[in-house]
Amino acid sequence: QLVGLKFFIYDSDSKVTSENGSDDFLGGADLELYGAPAKTPIAHTLELGGMEVRNVKNKASATKKNKRGLVLVQIRVVHEYCPKPLPPDQVLLRSLSTYSYVSDIEVHI
């Protein structure tokens, strides 16, 4: 059962995300989903945490904390029960029960 989601928010200076860690971490947030109603969209406002944000424009205001960023998300939980997949050996045996032979393929582009 899904009990929650974890969000990590980054700022990228380019149009693509960086895999080498050069993007700026803005913060993270957790959303608990245990007991969330099914098939009903619910909006959540999450406060970013994980970093201490300080105003460093001048030394006098360096100790004054800035407001934390907010993330607005809308979540809809859908429960879908799927049957347990067959073991790989049974899937292989079933796939060998039929055989298809293709003699020609014609393609126009």
PDB file of N, CA and C in Angstrom:
ATOM      1  N   GLN A   1       0.843  -1.177   0.000  1.00  0.00           N
ATOM      2  CA  GLN A   1       0.000   0.000   0.000  1.00  0.00           C
ATOM      3  C   GLN A   1       0.891   1.244   0.000  1.00  0.00           C
ATOM      4  N   LEU A   2       0.516   2.204  -0.791  1.00  0.00           N
ATOM      5  CA  LEU A   2       1.238   3.470  -0.870  1.00  0.00           C
ATOM      6  C   LEU A   2       0.895   4.310   0.363  1.00  0.00           C
ATOM      7  N   VAL A   3       1.919   4.725   1.103  1.00  0.00           N
ATOM      8  CA  VAL A   3       1.662   5.488   2.320  1.00  0.00           C
ATOM      9  C   VAL A   3       2.057   6.946   2.197  1.00  0.00           C
ATOM     10  N   GLY A   4       2.825   7.320   1.170  1.00  0.00           N
ATOM     11  CA  GLY A   4       3.208   8.715   1.029  1.00  0.00           C
ATOM     12  C   GLY A   4       4.067   8.969  -0.183  1.00  0.00           C
ATOM     13  N   LEU A   5       4.317  10.234  -0.431  1.00  0.00           N
ATOM     14  CA  LEU A   5       5.185  10.682  -1.518  1.00  0.00           C
ATOM     15  C   LEU A   5       6.239  11.612  -0.953  1.00  0.00           C
ATOM     16  N   LYS A   6       7.403  11.600  -1.556  1.00  0.00           N
ATOM     17  CA  LYS A   6       8.487  12.492  -1.160  1.00  0.00           C
ATOM     18  C   LYS A   6       8.857  13.314  -2.390  1.00  0.00           C
ATOM     19  N   PHE A   7       8.902  14.623  -2.237  1.00  0.00           N
ATOM     20  CA  PHE A   7       9.229  15.540  -3.326  1.00  0.00           C
ATOM     21  C   PHE A   7      10.599  16.156  -3.076  1.00  0.00           C
ATOM     22  N   PHE A   8      11.450  16.169  -4.096  1.00  0.00           N
ATOM     23  CA  PHE A   8      12.740  16.859  -4.064  1.00  0.00           C
ATOM     24  C   PHE A   8      12.712  17.883  -5.191  1.00  0.00           C
ATOM     25  N   ILE A   9      12.868  19.156  -4.864  1.00  0.00           N
ATOM     26  CA  ILE A   9      12.749  20.234  -5.838  1.00  0.00           C
ATOM     27  C   ILE A   9      14.130  20.815  -6.126  1.00  0.00           C
ATOM     28  N   TYR A  10      14.468  20.866  -7.415  1.00  0.00           N
ATOM     29  CA  TYR A  10      15.760  21.395  -7.858  1.00  0.00           C
ATOM     30  C   TYR A  10      15.529  22.524  -8.847  1.00  0.00           C
ATOM     31  N   ASP A  11      16.500  23.419  -8.932  1.00  0.00           N
ATOM     32  CA  ASP A  11      16.504  24.503  -9.909  1.00  0.00           C
ATOM     33  C   ASP A  11      17.630  24.212 -10.897  1.00  0.00           C
ATOM     34  N   SER A  12      17.283  24.160 -12.176  1.00  0.00           N
ATOM     35  CA  SER A  12      18.282  23.899 -13.203  1.00  0.00           C
ATOM     36  C   SER A  12      18.523  25.176 -13.990  1.00  0.00           C
ATOM     37  N   ASP A  13      19.788  25.470 -14.251  1.00  0.00           N
ATOM     38  CA  ASP A  13      20.127  26.664 -15.017  1.00  0.00           C
ATOM     39  C   ASP A  13      20.034  26.424 -16.518  1.00  0.00           C
ATOM     40  N   SER A  14      19.891  25.174 -16.926  1.00  0.00           N
ATOM     41  CA  SER A  14      19.748  24.870 -18.347  1.00  0.00           C
ATOM     42  C   SER A  14      18.395  24.204 -18.567  1.00  0.00           C
ATOM     43  N   LYS A  15      18.086  23.906 -19.829  1.00  0.00           N
ATOM     44  CA  LYS A  15      16.783  23.312 -20.142  1.00  0.00           C
ATOM     45  C   LYS A  15      16.721  21.829 -19.800  1.00  0.00           C
ATOM     46  N   VAL A  16      17.860  21.201 -19.616  1.00  0.00           N
ATOM     47  CA  VAL A  16      17.890  19.786 -19.264  1.00  0.00           C
ATOM     48  C   VAL A  16      18.449  19.634 -17.857  1.00  0.00           C
ATOM     49  N   THR A  17      18.022  18.584 -17.184  1.00  0.00           N
ATOM     50  CA  THR A  17      18.524  18.349 -15.835  1.00  0.00           C
ATOM     51  C   THR A  17      19.921  17.768 -15.895  1.00  0.00           C
ATOM     52  N   SER A  18      20.691  18.062 -14.898  1.00  0.00           N
ATOM     53  CA  SER A  18      22.079  17.617 -14.844  1.00  0.00           C
ATOM     54  C   SER A  18      22.180  16.351 -14.013  1.00  0.00           C
ATOM     55  N   GLU A  19      22.942  15.408 -14.506  1.00  0.00           N
ATOM     56  CA  GLU A  19      23.159  14.167 -13.763  1.00  0.00           C
ATOM     57  C   GLU A  19      24.397  14.256 -12.867  1.00  0.00           C
ATOM     58  N   ASN A  20      25.176  15.330 -12.986  1.00  0.00           N
ATOM     59  CA  ASN A  20      26.399  15.434 -12.204  1.00  0.00           C
ATOM     60  C   ASN A  20      26.232  16.265 -10.936  1.00  0.00           C
ATOM     61  N   GLY A  21      25.019  16.633 -10.592  1.00  0.00           N
ATOM     62  CA  GLY A  21      24.767  17.319  -9.332  1.00  0.00           C
ATOM     63  C   GLY A  21      24.971  18.813  -9.353  1.00  0.00           C
ATOM     64  N   SER A  22      24.981  19.437 -10.520  1.00  0.00           N
ATOM     65  CA  SER A  22      25.205  20.879 -10.577  1.00  0.00           C
ATOM     66  C   SER A  22      23.913  21.687 -10.410  1.00  0.00           C
ATOM     67  N   ASP A  23      22.753  21.016 -10.386  1.00  0.00           N
ATOM     68  CA  ASP A  23      21.493  21.728 -10.162  1.00  0.00           C
ATOM     69  C   ASP A  23      21.381  22.138  -8.699  1.00  0.00           C
ATOM     70  N   ASP A  24      20.674  23.237  -8.442  1.00  0.00           N
ATOM     71  CA  ASP A  24      20.532  23.773  -7.080  1.00  0.00           C
ATOM     72  C   ASP A  24      19.359  23.105  -6.373  1.00  0.00           C
ATOM     73  N   PHE A  25      19.606  22.555  -5.198  1.00  0.00           N
ATOM     74  CA  PHE A  25      18.553  21.941  -4.391  1.00  0.00           C
ATOM     75  C   PHE A  25      17.781  23.037  -3.689  1.00  0.00           C
ATOM     76  N   LEU A  26      16.481  23.110  -3.926  1.00  0.00           N
ATOM     77  CA  LEU A  26      15.647  24.142  -3.317  1.00  0.00           C
ATOM     78  C   LEU A  26      14.951  23.661  -2.050  1.00  0.00           C
ATOM     79  N   GLY A  27      14.811  22.354  -1.909  1.00  0.00           N
ATOM     80  CA  GLY A  27      14.167  21.818  -0.721  1.00  0.00           C
ATOM     81  C   GLY A  27      13.358  20.582  -1.048  1.00  0.00           C
ATOM     82  N   GLY A  28      12.784  20.011  -0.032  1.00  0.00           N
ATOM     83  CA  GLY A  28      11.977  18.815  -0.194  1.00  0.00           C
ATOM     84  C   GLY A  28      10.737  18.888   0.676  1.00  0.00           C
ATOM     85  N   ALA A  29       9.808  18.004   0.384  1.00  0.00           N
ATOM     86  CA  ALA A  29       8.565  17.962   1.159  1.00  0.00           C
ATOM     87  C   ALA A  29       8.032  16.535   1.150  1.00  0.00           C
ATOM     88  N   ASP A  30       7.344  16.167   2.204  1.00  0.00           N
ATOM     89  CA  ASP A  30       6.706  14.862   2.319  1.00  0.00           C
ATOM     90  C   ASP A  30       5.197  15.039   2.333  1.00  0.00           C
ATOM     91  N   LEU A  31       4.502  14.098   1.698  1.00  0.00           N
ATOM     92  CA  LEU A  31       3.039  14.111   1.683  1.00  0.00           C
ATOM     93  C   LEU A  31       2.559  12.740   2.106  1.00  0.00           C
ATOM     94  N   GLU A  32       1.821  12.683   3.200  1.00  0.00           N
ATOM     95  CA  GLU A  32       1.288  11.426   3.693  1.00  0.00           C
ATOM     96  C   GLU A  32      -0.021  11.113   2.974  1.00  0.00           C
ATOM     97  N   LEU A  33      -0.119   9.911   2.415  1.00  0.00           N
ATOM     98  CA  LEU A  33      -1.305   9.518   1.662  1.00  0.00           C
ATOM     99  C   LEU A  33      -2.118   8.428   2.347  1.00  0.00           C
ATOM    100  N   TYR A  34      -1.659   7.976   3.495  1.00  0.00           N
ATOM    101  CA  TYR A  34      -2.381   6.918   4.184  1.00  0.00           C
ATOM    102  C   TYR A  34      -3.779   7.419   4.553  1.00  0.00           C
ATOM    103  N   GLY A  35      -4.771   6.717   4.122  1.00  0.00           N
ATOM    104  CA  GLY A  35      -6.153   7.101   4.406  1.00  0.00           C
ATOM    105  C   GLY A  35      -6.717   8.137   3.453  1.00  0.00           C
ATOM    106  N   ALA A  36      -6.008   8.443   2.358  1.00  0.00           N
ATOM    107  CA  ALA A  36      -6.523   9.413   1.385  1.00  0.00           C
ATOM    108  C   ALA A  36      -7.729   8.816   0.662  1.00  0.00           C
ATOM    109  N   PRO A  37      -8.742   9.619   0.386  1.00  0.00           N
ATOM    110  CA  PRO A  37      -9.924   9.093  -0.299  1.00  0.00           C
ATOM    111  C   PRO A  37      -9.577   8.680  -1.727  1.00  0.00           C
ATOM    112  N   ALA A  38     -10.221   7.631  -2.202  1.00  0.00           N
ATOM    113  CA  ALA A  38      -9.948   7.101  -3.535  1.00  0.00           C
ATOM    114  C   ALA A  38     -10.696   7.905  -4.602  1.00  0.00           C
ATOM    115  N   LYS A  39     -10.028   8.104  -5.722  1.00  0.00           N
ATOM    116  CA  LYS A  39     -10.586   8.724  -6.932  1.00  0.00           C
ATOM    117  C   LYS A  39     -11.106  10.139  -6.727  1.00  0.00           C
ATOM    118  N   THR A  40     -10.615  10.830  -5.728  1.00  0.00           N
ATOM    119  CA  THR A  40     -11.024  12.203  -5.461  1.00  0.00           C
ATOM    120  C   THR A  40      -9.796  13.100  -5.502  1.00  0.00           C
ATOM    121  N   PRO A  41      -9.718  14.049  -6.456  1.00  0.00           N
ATOM    122  CA  PRO A  41      -8.554  14.940  -6.480  1.00  0.00           C
ATOM    123  C   PRO A  41      -8.545  15.860  -5.258  1.00  0.00           C
ATOM    124  N   ILE A  42      -7.387  15.941  -4.615  1.00  0.00           N
ATOM    125  CA  ILE A  42      -7.231  16.788  -3.439  1.00  0.00           C
ATOM    126  C   ILE A  42      -5.978  17.632  -3.632  1.00  0.00           C
ATOM    127  N   ALA A  43      -6.109  18.943  -3.427  1.00  0.00           N
ATOM    128  CA  ALA A  43      -4.972  19.860  -3.555  1.00  0.00           C
ATOM    129  C   ALA A  43      -4.263  19.978  -2.207  1.00  0.00           C
ATOM    130  N   HIS A  44      -2.929  20.011  -2.266  1.00  0.00           N
ATOM    131  CA  HIS A  44      -2.113  20.154  -1.073  1.00  0.00           C
ATOM    132  C   HIS A  44      -1.103  21.277  -1.298  1.00  0.00           C
ATOM    133  N   THR A  45      -0.854  22.066  -0.272  1.00  0.00           N
ATOM    134  CA  THR A  45       0.210  23.070  -0.295  1.00  0.00           C
ATOM    135  C   THR A  45       1.284  22.594   0.666  1.00  0.00           C
ATOM    136  N   LEU A  46       2.466  22.317   0.130  1.00  0.00           N
ATOM    137  CA  LEU A  46       3.553  21.768   0.925  1.00  0.00           C
ATOM    138  C   LEU A  46       4.660  22.800   1.081  1.00  0.00           C
ATOM    139  N   GLU A  47       5.178  22.929   2.292  1.00  0.00           N
ATOM    140  CA  GLU A  47       6.279  23.849   2.554  1.00  0.00           C
ATOM    141  C   GLU A  47       7.595  23.111   2.342  1.00  0.00           C
ATOM    142  N   LEU A  48       8.493  23.711   1.556  1.00  0.00           N
ATOM    143  CA  LEU A  48       9.790  23.096   1.298  1.00  0.00           C
ATOM    144  C   LEU A  48      10.654  23.163   2.550  1.00  0.00           C
ATOM    145  N   GLY A  49      11.309  22.081   2.847  1.00  0.00           N
ATOM    146  CA  GLY A  49      12.203  22.016   3.984  1.00  0.00           C
ATOM    147  C   GLY A  49      13.509  21.363   3.575  1.00  0.00           C
ATOM    148  N   GLY A  50      14.398  21.175   4.532  1.00  0.00           N
ATOM    149  CA  GLY A  50      15.643  20.490   4.256  1.00  0.00           C
ATOM    150  C   GLY A  50      16.841  21.397   4.146  1.00  0.00           C
ATOM    151  N   MET A  51      16.638  22.690   3.996  1.00  0.00           N
ATOM    152  CA  MET A  51      17.740  23.645   3.940  1.00  0.00           C
ATOM    153  C   MET A  51      17.366  24.858   4.764  1.00  0.00           C
ATOM    154  N   GLU A  52      18.334  25.430   5.421  1.00  0.00           N
ATOM    155  CA  GLU A  52      18.094  26.664   6.151  1.00  0.00           C
ATOM    156  C   GLU A  52      18.337  27.812   5.187  1.00  0.00           C
ATOM    157  N   VAL A  53      17.306  28.576   4.931  1.00  0.00           N
ATOM    158  CA  VAL A  53      17.395  29.678   3.976  1.00  0.00           C
ATOM    159  C   VAL A  53      17.581  30.968   4.746  1.00  0.00           C
ATOM    160  N   ARG A  54      18.618  31.711   4.394  1.00  0.00           N
ATOM    161  CA  ARG A  54      18.880  32.979   5.081  1.00  0.00           C
ATOM    162  C   ARG A  54      19.066  34.086   4.061  1.00  0.00           C
ATOM    163  N   ASN A  55      18.714  35.267   4.469  1.00  0.00           N
ATOM    164  CA  ASN A  55      18.898  36.453   3.640  1.00  0.00           C
ATOM    165  C   ASN A  55      20.317  36.967   3.872  1.00  0.00           C
ATOM    166  N   VAL A  56      21.131  37.024   2.797  1.00  0.00           N
ATOM    167  CA  VAL A  56      22.528  37.439   2.969  1.00  0.00           C
ATOM    168  C   VAL A  56      22.837  38.706   2.171  1.00  0.00           C
ATOM    169  N   LYS A  57      21.864  39.590   2.006  1.00  0.00           N
ATOM    170  CA  LYS A  57      22.100  40.835   1.269  1.00  0.00           C
ATOM    171  C   LYS A  57      23.069  41.741   2.021  1.00  0.00           C
ATOM    172  N   ASN A  58      22.896  41.819   3.313  1.00  0.00           N
ATOM    173  CA  ASN A  58      23.864  42.572   4.116  1.00  0.00           C
ATOM    174  C   ASN A  58      24.022  41.872   5.463  1.00  0.00           C
ATOM    175  N   LYS A  59      25.080  42.180   6.160  1.00  0.00           N
ATOM    176  CA  LYS A  59      25.390  41.471   7.393  1.00  0.00           C
ATOM    177  C   LYS A  59      24.356  41.714   8.485  1.00  0.00           C
ATOM    178  N   ALA A  60      23.720  42.859   8.470  1.00  0.00           N
ATOM    179  CA  ALA A  60      22.738  43.171   9.514  1.00  0.00           C
ATOM    180  C   ALA A  60      21.511  42.275   9.396  1.00  0.00           C
ATOM    181  N   SER A  61      21.140  41.922   8.178  1.00  0.00           N
ATOM    182  CA  SER A  61      19.942  41.100   7.995  1.00  0.00           C
ATOM    183  C   SER A  61      20.279  39.641   7.732  1.00  0.00           C
ATOM    184  N   ALA A  62      21.535  39.254   7.901  1.00  0.00           N
ATOM    185  CA  ALA A  62      21.946  37.880   7.611  1.00  0.00           C
ATOM    186  C   ALA A  62      21.299  36.872   8.549  1.00  0.00           C
ATOM    187  N   THR A  63      20.909  37.280   9.726  1.00  0.00           N
ATOM    188  CA  THR A  63      20.297  36.343  10.662  1.00  0.00           C
ATOM    189  C   THR A  63      18.785  36.254  10.478  1.00  0.00           C
ATOM    190  N   LYS A  64      18.204  37.116   9.678  1.00  0.00           N
ATOM    191  CA  LYS A  64      16.757  37.080   9.437  1.00  0.00           C
ATOM    192  C   LYS A  64      16.445  35.992   8.418  1.00  0.00           C
ATOM    193  N   LYS A  65      15.571  35.066   8.772  1.00  0.00           N
ATOM    194  CA  LYS A  65      15.237  33.969   7.883  1.00  0.00           C
ATOM    195  C   LYS A  65      14.203  34.409   6.850  1.00  0.00           C
ATOM    196  N   ASN A  66      14.380  33.918   5.608  1.00  0.00           N
ATOM    197  CA  ASN A  66      13.393  34.143   4.559  1.00  0.00           C
ATOM    198  C   ASN A  66      12.246  33.155   4.720  1.00  0.00           C
ATOM    199  N   LYS A  67      11.140  33.439   4.076  1.00  0.00           N
ATOM    200  CA  LYS A  67      10.029  32.491   4.060  1.00  0.00           C
ATOM    201  C   LYS A  67      10.413  31.307   3.190  1.00  0.00           C
ATOM    202  N   ARG A  68       9.976  30.138   3.592  1.00  0.00           N
ATOM    203  CA  ARG A  68      10.260  28.928   2.826  1.00  0.00           C
ATOM    204  C   ARG A  68       9.358  28.871   1.590  1.00  0.00           C
ATOM    205  N   GLY A  69       9.854  28.213   0.564  1.00  0.00           N
ATOM    206  CA  GLY A  69       9.086  28.055  -0.667  1.00  0.00           C
ATOM    207  C   GLY A  69       7.929  27.097  -0.480  1.00  0.00           C
ATOM    208  N   LEU A  70       6.943  27.214  -1.343  1.00  0.00           N
ATOM    209  CA  LEU A  70       5.774  26.352  -1.305  1.00  0.00           C
ATOM    210  C   LEU A  70       5.651  25.583  -2.614  1.00  0.00           C
ATOM    211  N   VAL A  71       5.149  24.366  -2.522  1.00  0.00           N
ATOM    212  CA  VAL A  71       4.854  23.544  -3.687  1.00  0.00           C
ATOM    213  C   VAL A  71       3.377  23.214  -3.639  1.00  0.00           C
ATOM    214  N   LEU A  72       2.683  23.476  -4.723  1.00  0.00           N
ATOM    215  CA  LEU A  72       1.260  23.155  -4.820  1.00  0.00           C
ATOM    216  C   LEU A  72       1.112  21.897  -5.661  1.00  0.00           C
ATOM    217  N   VAL A  73       0.509  20.861  -5.102  1.00  0.00           N
ATOM    218  CA  VAL A  73       0.304  19.604  -5.822  1.00  0.00           C
ATOM    219  C   VAL A  73      -1.153  19.192  -5.710  1.00  0.00           C
ATOM    220  N   GLN A  74      -1.609  18.484  -6.734  1.00  0.00           N
ATOM    221  CA  GLN A  74      -2.952  17.909  -6.698  1.00  0.00           C
ATOM    222  C   GLN A  74      -2.790  16.414  -6.902  1.00  0.00           C
ATOM    223  N   ILE A  75      -3.316  15.623  -5.980  1.00  0.00           N
ATOM    224  CA  ILE A  75      -3.140  14.176  -5.970  1.00  0.00           C
ATOM    225  C   ILE A  75      -4.508  13.502  -6.046  1.00  0.00           C
ATOM    226  N   ARG A  76      -4.556  12.444  -6.855  1.00  0.00           N
ATOM    227  CA  ARG A  76      -5.749  11.598  -6.913  1.00  0.00           C
ATOM    228  C   ARG A  76      -5.274  10.166  -6.785  1.00  0.00           C
ATOM    229  N   VAL A  77      -5.708   9.477  -5.756  1.00  0.00           N
ATOM    230  CA  VAL A  77      -5.288   8.104  -5.494  1.00  0.00           C
ATOM    231  C   VAL A  77      -6.282   7.154  -6.143  1.00  0.00           C
ATOM    232  N   VAL A  78      -5.750   6.247  -6.953  1.00  0.00           N
ATOM    233  CA  VAL A  78      -6.587   5.230  -7.602  1.00  0.00           C
ATOM    234  C   VAL A  78      -6.034   3.869  -7.206  1.00  0.00           C
ATOM    235  N   HIS A  79      -6.851   3.065  -6.570  1.00  0.00           N
ATOM    236  CA  HIS A  79      -6.453   1.721  -6.169  1.00  0.00           C
ATOM    237  C   HIS A  79      -6.850   0.757  -7.271  1.00  0.00           C
ATOM    238  N   GLU A  80      -5.864   0.026  -7.783  1.00  0.00           N
ATOM    239  CA  GLU A  80      -6.143  -0.965  -8.816  1.00  0.00           C
ATOM    240  C   GLU A  80      -5.477  -2.264  -8.391  1.00  0.00           C
ATOM    241  N   TYR A  81      -6.260  -3.300  -8.267  1.00  0.00           N
ATOM    242  CA  TYR A  81      -5.732  -4.580  -7.847  1.00  0.00           C
ATOM    243  C   TYR A  81      -5.430  -5.420  -9.078  1.00  0.00           C
ATOM    244  N   CYS A  82      -4.188  -5.835  -9.210  1.00  0.00           N
ATOM    245  CA  CYS A  82      -3.736  -6.632 -10.343  1.00  0.00           C
ATOM    246  C   CYS A  82      -3.414  -8.037  -9.849  1.00  0.00           C
ATOM    247  N   PRO A  83      -3.719  -9.034 -10.670  1.00  0.00           N
ATOM    248  CA  PRO A  83      -3.369 -10.394 -10.246  1.00  0.00           C
ATOM    249  C   PRO A  83      -1.854 -10.581 -10.224  1.00  0.00           C
ATOM    250  N   LYS A  84      -1.409 -11.466  -9.362  1.00  0.00           N
ATOM    251  CA  LYS A  84       0.016 -11.762  -9.256  1.00  0.00           C
ATOM    252  C   LYS A  84       0.491 -12.374 -10.566  1.00  0.00           C
ATOM    253  N   PRO A  85       1.605 -11.888 -11.119  1.00  0.00           N
ATOM    254  CA  PRO A  85       2.087 -12.455 -12.379  1.00  0.00           C
ATOM    255  C   PRO A  85       2.544 -13.899 -12.198  1.00  0.00           C
ATOM    256  N   LEU A  86       2.472 -14.642 -13.285  1.00  0.00           N
ATOM    257  CA  LEU A  86       2.921 -16.028 -13.252  1.00  0.00           C
ATOM    258  C   LEU A  86       4.435 -16.083 -13.104  1.00  0.00           C
ATOM    259  N   PRO A  87       4.948 -17.180 -12.570  1.00  0.00           N
ATOM    260  CA  PRO A  87       6.403 -17.342 -12.499  1.00  0.00           C
ATOM    261  C   PRO A  87       7.009 -17.365 -13.910  1.00  0.00           C
ATOM    262  N   PRO A  88       8.248 -16.902 -14.066  1.00  0.00           N
ATOM    263  CA  PRO A  88       8.858 -16.815 -15.405  1.00  0.00           C
ATOM    264  C   PRO A  88       8.877 -18.133 -16.170  1.00  0.00           C
ATOM    265  N   ASP A  89       9.064 -19.255 -15.489  1.00  0.00           N
ATOM    266  CA  ASP A  89       9.108 -20.530 -16.207  1.00  0.00           C
ATOM    267  C   ASP A  89       7.743 -20.881 -16.805  1.00  0.00           C
ATOM    268  N   GLN A  90       6.652 -20.548 -16.121  1.00  0.00           N
ATOM    269  CA  GLN A  90       5.316 -20.802 -16.667  1.00  0.00           C
ATOM    270  C   GLN A  90       5.013 -19.861 -17.835  1.00  0.00           C
ATOM    271  N   VAL A  91       5.473 -18.613 -17.756  1.00  0.00           N
ATOM    272  CA  VAL A  91       5.280 -17.671 -18.857  1.00  0.00           C
ATOM    273  C   VAL A  91       6.007 -18.180 -20.093  1.00  0.00           C
ATOM    274  N   LEU A  92       7.216 -18.695 -19.929  1.00  0.00           N
ATOM    275  CA  LEU A  92       7.988 -19.228 -21.050  1.00  0.00           C
ATOM    276  C   LEU A  92       7.293 -20.432 -21.666  1.00  0.00           C
ATOM    277  N   LEU A  93       6.798 -21.348 -20.843  1.00  0.00           N
ATOM    278  CA  LEU A  93       6.100 -22.524 -21.365  1.00  0.00           C
ATOM    279  C   LEU A  93       4.851 -22.136 -22.149  1.00  0.00           C
ATOM    280  N   ARG A  94       4.100 -21.164 -21.647  1.00  0.00           N
ATOM    281  CA  ARG A  94       2.890 -20.720 -22.363  1.00  0.00           C
ATOM    282  C   ARG A  94       3.238 -20.049 -23.681  1.00  0.00           C
ATOM    283  N   SER A  95       4.347 -19.317 -23.707  1.00  0.00           N
ATOM    284  CA  SER A  95       4.724 -18.639 -24.948  1.00  0.00           C
ATOM    285  C   SER A  95       5.172 -19.636 -26.015  1.00  0.00           C
ATOM    286  N   LEU A  96       5.624 -20.819 -25.626  1.00  0.00           N
ATOM    287  CA  LEU A  96       6.067 -21.828 -26.578  1.00  0.00           C
ATOM    288  C   LEU A  96       4.920 -22.685 -27.115  1.00  0.00           C
ATOM    289  N   SER A  97       3.718 -22.499 -26.587  1.00  0.00           N
ATOM    290  CA  SER A  97       2.592 -23.309 -27.033  1.00  0.00           C
ATOM    291  C   SER A  97       2.058 -22.884 -28.398  1.00  0.00           C
ATOM    292  N   THR A  98       2.347 -21.693 -28.836  1.00  0.00           N
ATOM    293  CA  THR A  98       1.943 -21.228 -30.165  1.00  0.00           C
ATOM    294  C   THR A  98       3.178 -20.757 -30.921  1.00  0.00           C
ATOM    295  N   TYR A  99       3.093 -20.873 -32.231  1.00  0.00           N
ATOM    296  CA  TYR A  99       4.226 -20.491 -33.069  1.00  0.00           C
ATOM    297  C   TYR A  99       3.692 -19.733 -34.270  1.00  0.00           C
ATOM    298  N   SER A 100       4.254 -18.580 -34.542  1.00  0.00           N
ATOM    299  CA  SER A 100       3.851 -17.781 -35.702  1.00  0.00           C
ATOM    300  C   SER A 100       5.034 -17.681 -36.650  1.00  0.00           C
ATOM    301  N   TYR A 101       4.769 -17.887 -37.925  1.00  0.00           N
ATOM    302  CA  TYR A 101       5.808 -17.808 -38.937  1.00  0.00           C
ATOM    303  C   TYR A 101       5.491 -16.658 -39.867  1.00  0.00           C
ATOM    304  N   VAL A 102       6.412 -15.734 -40.028  1.00  0.00           N
ATOM    305  CA  VAL A 102       6.243 -14.581 -40.916  1.00  0.00           C
ATOM    306  C   VAL A 102       7.153 -14.811 -42.118  1.00  0.00           C
ATOM    307  N   SER A 103       6.537 -14.873 -43.309  1.00  0.00           N
ATOM    308  CA  SER A 103       7.350 -15.123 -44.511  1.00  0.00           C
ATOM    309  C   SER A 103       7.714 -13.844 -45.238  1.00  0.00           C
ATOM    310  N   ASP A 104       6.854 -12.837 -45.215  1.00  0.00           N
ATOM    311  CA  ASP A 104       7.120 -11.572 -45.911  1.00  0.00           C
ATOM    312  C   ASP A 104       6.615 -10.393 -45.088  1.00  0.00           C
ATOM    313  N   ILE A 105       7.349  -9.291 -45.203  1.00  0.00           N
ATOM    314  CA  ILE A 105       6.907  -8.028 -44.625  1.00  0.00           C
ATOM    315  C   ILE A 105       7.078  -6.984 -45.701  1.00  0.00           C
ATOM    316  N   GLU A 106       6.022  -6.247 -45.970  1.00  0.00           N
ATOM    317  CA  GLU A 106       6.078  -5.187 -46.981  1.00  0.00           C
ATOM    318  C   GLU A 106       5.844  -3.849 -46.289  1.00  0.00           C
ATOM    319  N   VAL A 107       6.751  -2.905 -46.535  1.00  0.00           N
ATOM    320  CA  VAL A 107       6.681  -1.597 -45.878  1.00  0.00           C
ATOM    321  C   VAL A 107       6.783  -0.514 -46.937  1.00  0.00           C
ATOM    322  N   HIS A 108       5.920   0.499 -46.856  1.00  0.00           N
ATOM    323  CA  HIS A 108       5.969   1.672 -47.732  1.00  0.00           C
ATOM    324  C   HIS A 108       6.180   2.907 -46.874  1.00  0.00           C
ATOM    325  N   ILE A 109       7.155   3.699 -47.214  1.00  0.00           N
ATOM    326  CA  ILE A 109       7.416   4.927 -46.456  1.00  0.00           C
ATOM    327  C   ILE A 109       7.251   6.124 -47.375  1.00  0.00           C
TER     328      ILE A 109
END
